[in-house]
Amino acid sequence: MKKIVIKNLAKKLNKKFTLKPIATLNNYGVNLVLIEGEYPFHSHNGNEFFLIVEGEIYIDFKDEKPVRLREGEALLVKEGVIHRSRSEKKSIALVFEAKDLSYKMEGGMEE
């Protein structure tokens, strides 16, 4: 088995909001994401779990107050909840989501 060095992989990320798959856990993908700026509001057909590795992000919700996450903090966003992630500075998160997860973007677009 080969260990995964998250900080080394994070240094290679240079495109905002791109998922870099690093492992599969049963039917879930474990992805490294560079978060900087604002991602559009959207929802999913499954849960999404954020664990902050570096920096600080906010998860904004349509119907609730934003949640601030710092290094070492995590948040589970439940299926169907409209949300977005944002960060003023480059931040790195591990994001766990079902491999067959689909996105419903606000405005009706699907991904």
N, C-alpha and C. Protein backbone atom coordinates (compact mmCIF):
# COMPACT_ATOMS: atom_id res chain seq x y z
N MET A 1 0.84 -1.19 0.00
CA MET A 1 0.00 0.00 0.00
C MET A 1 0.88 1.24 0.00
N LYS A 2 0.37 2.27 -0.64
CA LYS A 2 1.11 3.51 -0.75
C LYS A 2 0.35 4.62 -0.01
N LYS A 3 1.05 5.33 0.85
CA LYS A 3 0.37 6.41 1.58
C LYS A 3 0.12 7.60 0.65
N ILE A 4 -0.87 8.38 1.04
CA ILE A 4 -1.24 9.58 0.29
C ILE A 4 -0.82 10.78 1.12
N VAL A 5 0.01 11.64 0.54
CA VAL A 5 0.48 12.84 1.25
C VAL A 5 -0.35 14.02 0.72
N ILE A 6 -1.36 14.38 1.49
CA ILE A 6 -2.33 15.40 1.09
C ILE A 6 -1.66 16.73 0.76
N LYS A 7 -0.75 17.19 1.62
CA LYS A 7 -0.10 18.50 1.40
C LYS A 7 0.68 18.53 0.09
N ASN A 8 1.31 17.41 -0.29
CA ASN A 8 2.03 17.37 -1.56
C ASN A 8 1.07 17.43 -2.75
N LEU A 9 -0.04 16.72 -2.66
CA LEU A 9 -1.04 16.78 -3.72
C LEU A 9 -1.67 18.16 -3.82
N ALA A 10 -1.90 18.79 -2.67
CA ALA A 10 -2.52 20.12 -2.64
C ALA A 10 -1.65 21.15 -3.36
N LYS A 11 -0.35 21.02 -3.26
CA LYS A 11 0.57 21.96 -3.91
C LYS A 11 0.42 21.93 -5.43
N LYS A 12 -0.05 20.80 -5.97
CA LYS A 12 -0.19 20.63 -7.41
C LYS A 12 -1.51 21.19 -7.94
N LEU A 13 -2.44 21.49 -7.05
CA LEU A 13 -3.74 22.02 -7.49
C LEU A 13 -3.57 23.48 -7.92
N ASN A 14 -4.05 23.81 -9.10
CA ASN A 14 -3.94 25.19 -9.56
C ASN A 14 -5.21 25.69 -10.24
N LYS A 15 -6.21 24.84 -10.36
CA LYS A 15 -7.47 25.26 -10.98
C LYS A 15 -8.58 25.23 -9.94
N LYS A 16 -9.25 26.34 -9.78
CA LYS A 16 -10.29 26.49 -8.76
C LYS A 16 -11.45 25.51 -8.98
N PHE A 17 -11.92 24.92 -7.90
CA PHE A 17 -13.11 24.06 -7.86
C PHE A 17 -13.00 22.81 -8.73
N THR A 18 -11.80 22.35 -8.97
CA THR A 18 -11.62 21.10 -9.68
C THR A 18 -11.42 19.97 -8.67
N LEU A 19 -12.18 18.89 -8.85
CA LEU A 19 -12.04 17.73 -7.98
C LEU A 19 -10.86 16.90 -8.45
N LYS A 20 -9.93 16.62 -7.55
CA LYS A 20 -8.80 15.74 -7.83
C LYS A 20 -9.08 14.45 -7.06
N PRO A 21 -9.56 13.40 -7.74
CA PRO A 21 -9.84 12.15 -7.03
C PRO A 21 -8.56 11.57 -6.43
N ILE A 22 -8.63 11.18 -5.15
CA ILE A 22 -7.44 10.60 -4.53
C ILE A 22 -7.69 9.20 -3.97
N ALA A 23 -8.96 8.82 -3.81
CA ALA A 23 -9.26 7.48 -3.30
C ALA A 23 -10.75 7.19 -3.52
N THR A 24 -11.07 5.91 -3.43
CA THR A 24 -12.46 5.47 -3.45
C THR A 24 -12.71 4.69 -2.18
N LEU A 25 -13.81 5.01 -1.53
CA LEU A 25 -14.19 4.36 -0.28
C LEU A 25 -15.60 3.82 -0.47
N ASN A 26 -15.70 2.51 -0.71
CA ASN A 26 -16.96 1.88 -1.08
C ASN A 26 -17.53 2.61 -2.29
N ASN A 27 -18.69 3.20 -2.20
CA ASN A 27 -19.28 3.91 -3.34
C ASN A 27 -19.04 5.42 -3.28
N TYR A 28 -18.08 5.83 -2.44
CA TYR A 28 -17.79 7.25 -2.31
C TYR A 28 -16.43 7.58 -2.88
N GLY A 29 -16.35 8.74 -3.53
CA GLY A 29 -15.08 9.26 -3.98
C GLY A 29 -14.54 10.20 -2.92
N VAL A 30 -13.23 10.15 -2.71
CA VAL A 30 -12.54 11.09 -1.82
C VAL A 30 -11.75 12.00 -2.74
N ASN A 31 -12.10 13.29 -2.71
CA ASN A 31 -11.54 14.25 -3.65
C ASN A 31 -10.85 15.39 -2.93
N LEU A 32 -9.78 15.87 -3.51
CA LEU A 32 -9.10 17.05 -3.03
C LEU A 32 -9.56 18.21 -3.89
N VAL A 33 -9.94 19.33 -3.28
CA VAL A 33 -10.50 20.45 -4.02
C VAL A 33 -9.83 21.74 -3.59
N LEU A 34 -9.45 22.56 -4.56
CA LEU A 34 -8.96 23.91 -4.30
C LEU A 34 -10.19 24.82 -4.36
N ILE A 35 -10.49 25.46 -3.25
CA ILE A 35 -11.65 26.36 -3.19
C ILE A 35 -11.14 27.78 -3.08
N GLU A 36 -11.53 28.59 -4.05
CA GLU A 36 -11.18 30.02 -4.05
C GLU A 36 -12.22 30.73 -4.89
N GLY A 37 -12.80 31.79 -4.36
CA GLY A 37 -13.91 32.44 -5.03
C GLY A 37 -15.21 31.80 -4.60
N GLU A 38 -16.24 31.93 -5.44
CA GLU A 38 -17.57 31.40 -5.12
C GLU A 38 -17.99 30.37 -6.15
N TYR A 39 -18.44 29.22 -5.68
CA TYR A 39 -19.05 28.22 -6.55
C TYR A 39 -20.54 28.56 -6.63
N PRO A 40 -21.22 28.28 -7.73
CA PRO A 40 -22.66 28.60 -7.82
C PRO A 40 -23.49 27.77 -6.83
N PHE A 41 -24.64 28.33 -6.46
CA PHE A 41 -25.57 27.57 -5.63
C PHE A 41 -26.05 26.34 -6.39
N HIS A 42 -26.16 25.21 -5.66
CA HIS A 42 -26.56 23.94 -6.25
C HIS A 42 -27.03 22.99 -5.16
N SER A 43 -27.56 21.86 -5.58
CA SER A 43 -27.91 20.78 -4.64
C SER A 43 -27.47 19.46 -5.27
N HIS A 44 -27.55 18.38 -4.49
CA HIS A 44 -27.11 17.06 -4.94
C HIS A 44 -28.17 16.02 -4.65
N ASN A 45 -28.05 14.88 -5.32
CA ASN A 45 -28.92 13.74 -5.06
C ASN A 45 -28.33 12.82 -4.00
N GLY A 46 -27.39 13.33 -3.22
CA GLY A 46 -26.76 12.57 -2.13
C GLY A 46 -26.04 13.52 -1.19
N ASN A 47 -25.54 12.99 -0.09
CA ASN A 47 -24.81 13.81 0.88
C ASN A 47 -23.43 14.18 0.36
N GLU A 48 -22.87 15.26 0.90
CA GLU A 48 -21.52 15.72 0.57
C GLU A 48 -20.85 16.12 1.88
N PHE A 49 -19.61 15.67 2.07
CA PHE A 49 -18.89 15.91 3.32
C PHE A 49 -17.61 16.68 3.03
N PHE A 50 -17.44 17.82 3.70
CA PHE A 50 -16.26 18.68 3.54
C PHE A 50 -15.38 18.56 4.78
N LEU A 51 -14.08 18.37 4.59
CA LEU A 51 -13.09 18.41 5.66
C LEU A 51 -12.00 19.38 5.21
N ILE A 52 -11.79 20.45 5.97
CA ILE A 52 -10.85 21.49 5.56
C ILE A 52 -9.43 21.09 5.96
N VAL A 53 -8.57 21.06 4.95
CA VAL A 53 -7.16 20.69 5.14
C VAL A 53 -6.30 21.93 5.32
N GLU A 54 -6.63 22.98 4.58
CA GLU A 54 -5.82 24.20 4.60
C GLU A 54 -6.74 25.39 4.33
N GLY A 55 -6.57 26.45 5.10
CA GLY A 55 -7.33 27.67 4.87
C GLY A 55 -8.66 27.69 5.60
N GLU A 56 -9.60 28.40 4.99
CA GLU A 56 -10.91 28.63 5.61
C GLU A 56 -11.93 28.80 4.49
N ILE A 57 -13.07 28.15 4.62
CA ILE A 57 -14.13 28.32 3.64
C ILE A 57 -15.45 28.60 4.36
N TYR A 58 -16.40 29.05 3.58
CA TYR A 58 -17.78 29.20 4.04
C TYR A 58 -18.65 28.31 3.17
N ILE A 59 -19.62 27.69 3.80
CA ILE A 59 -20.68 27.01 3.07
C ILE A 59 -21.92 27.87 3.27
N ASP A 60 -22.40 28.44 2.17
CA ASP A 60 -23.60 29.28 2.20
C ASP A 60 -24.81 28.42 1.86
N PHE A 61 -25.93 28.74 2.49
CA PHE A 61 -27.18 28.02 2.26
C PHE A 61 -28.25 29.01 1.86
N LYS A 62 -29.22 28.56 1.07
CA LYS A 62 -30.35 29.41 0.68
C LYS A 62 -31.24 29.73 1.87
N ASP A 63 -31.42 28.77 2.78
CA ASP A 63 -32.41 28.92 3.85
C ASP A 63 -31.82 28.93 5.25
N GLU A 64 -30.50 29.03 5.38
CA GLU A 64 -29.86 29.04 6.69
C GLU A 64 -28.68 30.00 6.68
N LYS A 65 -28.14 30.26 7.87
CA LYS A 65 -26.94 31.09 7.97
C LYS A 65 -25.73 30.33 7.41
N PRO A 66 -24.72 31.05 6.88
CA PRO A 66 -23.51 30.39 6.40
C PRO A 66 -22.76 29.71 7.55
N VAL A 67 -22.01 28.68 7.20
CA VAL A 67 -21.17 27.97 8.17
C VAL A 67 -19.71 28.21 7.79
N ARG A 68 -18.94 28.71 8.74
CA ARG A 68 -17.50 28.95 8.53
C ARG A 68 -16.74 27.71 8.96
N LEU A 69 -15.86 27.23 8.09
CA LEU A 69 -15.06 26.05 8.39
C LEU A 69 -13.58 26.41 8.29
N ARG A 70 -12.83 26.08 9.33
CA ARG A 70 -11.39 26.30 9.36
C ARG A 70 -10.67 24.95 9.29
N GLU A 71 -9.35 25.02 9.19
CA GLU A 71 -8.54 23.79 9.13
C GLU A 71 -8.93 22.83 10.25
N GLY A 72 -9.13 21.57 9.86
CA GLY A 72 -9.48 20.55 10.83
C GLY A 72 -10.96 20.45 11.14
N GLU A 73 -11.77 21.34 10.57
CA GLU A 73 -13.21 21.30 10.80
C GLU A 73 -13.91 20.68 9.59
N ALA A 74 -15.10 20.12 9.83
CA ALA A 74 -15.81 19.41 8.78
C ALA A 74 -17.30 19.73 8.85
N LEU A 75 -17.98 19.44 7.75
CA LEU A 75 -19.42 19.67 7.67
C LEU A 75 -20.04 18.67 6.70
N LEU A 76 -21.18 18.12 7.08
CA LEU A 76 -21.97 17.26 6.21
C LEU A 76 -23.11 18.10 5.63
N VAL A 77 -23.17 18.19 4.30
CA VAL A 77 -24.29 18.85 3.62
C VAL A 77 -25.21 17.73 3.15
N LYS A 78 -26.43 17.75 3.62
CA LYS A 78 -27.36 16.67 3.32
C LYS A 78 -27.97 16.80 1.92
N GLU A 79 -28.36 15.67 1.41
CA GLU A 79 -28.98 15.57 0.09
C GLU A 79 -30.10 16.59 -0.08
N GLY A 80 -30.13 17.24 -1.24
CA GLY A 80 -31.21 18.17 -1.58
C GLY A 80 -31.07 19.57 -1.02
N VAL A 81 -30.10 19.83 -0.15
CA VAL A 81 -29.92 21.15 0.45
C VAL A 81 -29.19 22.06 -0.54
N ILE A 82 -29.78 23.21 -0.83
CA ILE A 82 -29.16 24.16 -1.75
C ILE A 82 -28.04 24.89 -1.01
N HIS A 83 -26.84 24.85 -1.61
CA HIS A 83 -25.65 25.42 -0.94
C HIS A 83 -24.60 25.82 -1.98
N ARG A 84 -23.57 26.47 -1.50
CA ARG A 84 -22.38 26.74 -2.30
C ARG A 84 -21.20 26.86 -1.35
N SER A 85 -20.00 26.64 -1.87
CA SER A 85 -18.79 26.86 -1.09
C SER A 85 -18.12 28.11 -1.62
N ARG A 86 -17.41 28.80 -0.70
CA ARG A 86 -16.68 30.01 -1.12
C ARG A 86 -15.52 30.24 -0.19
N SER A 87 -14.50 30.92 -0.71
CA SER A 87 -13.34 31.28 0.08
C SER A 87 -12.67 32.49 -0.55
N GLU A 88 -12.23 33.42 0.27
CA GLU A 88 -11.55 34.61 -0.23
C GLU A 88 -10.11 34.29 -0.65
N LYS A 89 -9.51 33.30 0.01
CA LYS A 89 -8.14 32.90 -0.28
C LYS A 89 -8.12 31.43 -0.68
N LYS A 90 -7.04 31.01 -1.31
CA LYS A 90 -6.88 29.61 -1.68
C LYS A 90 -7.01 28.73 -0.44
N SER A 91 -7.93 27.79 -0.50
CA SER A 91 -8.16 26.84 0.58
C SER A 91 -8.29 25.45 -0.01
N ILE A 92 -7.94 24.45 0.78
CA ILE A 92 -7.96 23.07 0.31
C ILE A 92 -8.91 22.26 1.19
N ALA A 93 -9.78 21.49 0.55
CA ALA A 93 -10.72 20.64 1.28
C ALA A 93 -10.67 19.22 0.73
N LEU A 94 -10.89 18.26 1.61
CA LEU A 94 -11.20 16.90 1.20
C LEU A 94 -12.72 16.84 1.12
N VAL A 95 -13.23 16.41 -0.02
CA VAL A 95 -14.67 16.33 -0.21
C VAL A 95 -15.02 14.88 -0.51
N PHE A 96 -15.92 14.34 0.28
CA PHE A 96 -16.38 12.97 0.12
C PHE A 96 -17.78 13.03 -0.48
N GLU A 97 -17.97 12.34 -1.60
CA GLU A 97 -19.29 12.33 -2.23
C GLU A 97 -19.47 11.04 -3.02
N ALA A 98 -20.73 10.62 -3.16
CA ALA A 98 -21.03 9.40 -3.90
C ALA A 98 -20.49 9.50 -5.31
N LYS A 99 -19.98 8.38 -5.83
CA LYS A 99 -19.40 8.37 -7.17
C LYS A 99 -20.42 8.73 -8.23
N ASP A 100 -21.71 8.41 -8.00
CA ASP A 100 -22.75 8.71 -8.98
C ASP A 100 -23.53 9.99 -8.63
N LEU A 101 -22.92 10.85 -7.83
CA LEU A 101 -23.58 12.09 -7.40
C LEU A 101 -23.86 12.98 -8.60
N SER A 102 -25.05 13.55 -8.64
CA SER A 102 -25.36 14.53 -9.69
C SER A 102 -25.69 15.86 -9.03
N TYR A 103 -25.44 16.93 -9.77
CA TYR A 103 -25.63 18.29 -9.30
C TYR A 103 -26.84 18.89 -9.98
N LYS A 104 -27.64 19.63 -9.23
CA LYS A 104 -28.71 20.42 -9.82
C LYS A 104 -28.34 21.87 -9.53
N MET A 105 -27.92 22.57 -10.55
CA MET A 105 -27.50 23.97 -10.40
C MET A 105 -28.73 24.85 -10.26
N GLU A 106 -28.62 25.92 -9.49
CA GLU A 106 -29.72 26.88 -9.39
C GLU A 106 -29.95 27.47 -10.77
N GLY A 107 -31.20 27.55 -11.17
CA GLY A 107 -31.50 28.01 -12.51
C GLY A 107 -31.87 26.86 -13.43
N GLY A 108 -31.85 25.63 -12.87
CA GLY A 108 -32.35 24.48 -13.63
C GLY A 108 -31.31 23.67 -14.38
N MET A 109 -30.05 24.14 -14.46
CA MET A 109 -29.03 23.38 -15.18
C MET A 109 -28.63 22.17 -14.37
N GLU A 110 -28.39 21.05 -15.03
CA GLU A 110 -27.92 19.83 -14.36
C GLU A 110 -26.49 19.55 -14.78
N GLU A 111 -25.72 18.96 -13.87
CA GLU A 111 -24.34 18.57 -14.17
C GLU A 111 -24.18 17.10 -13.96
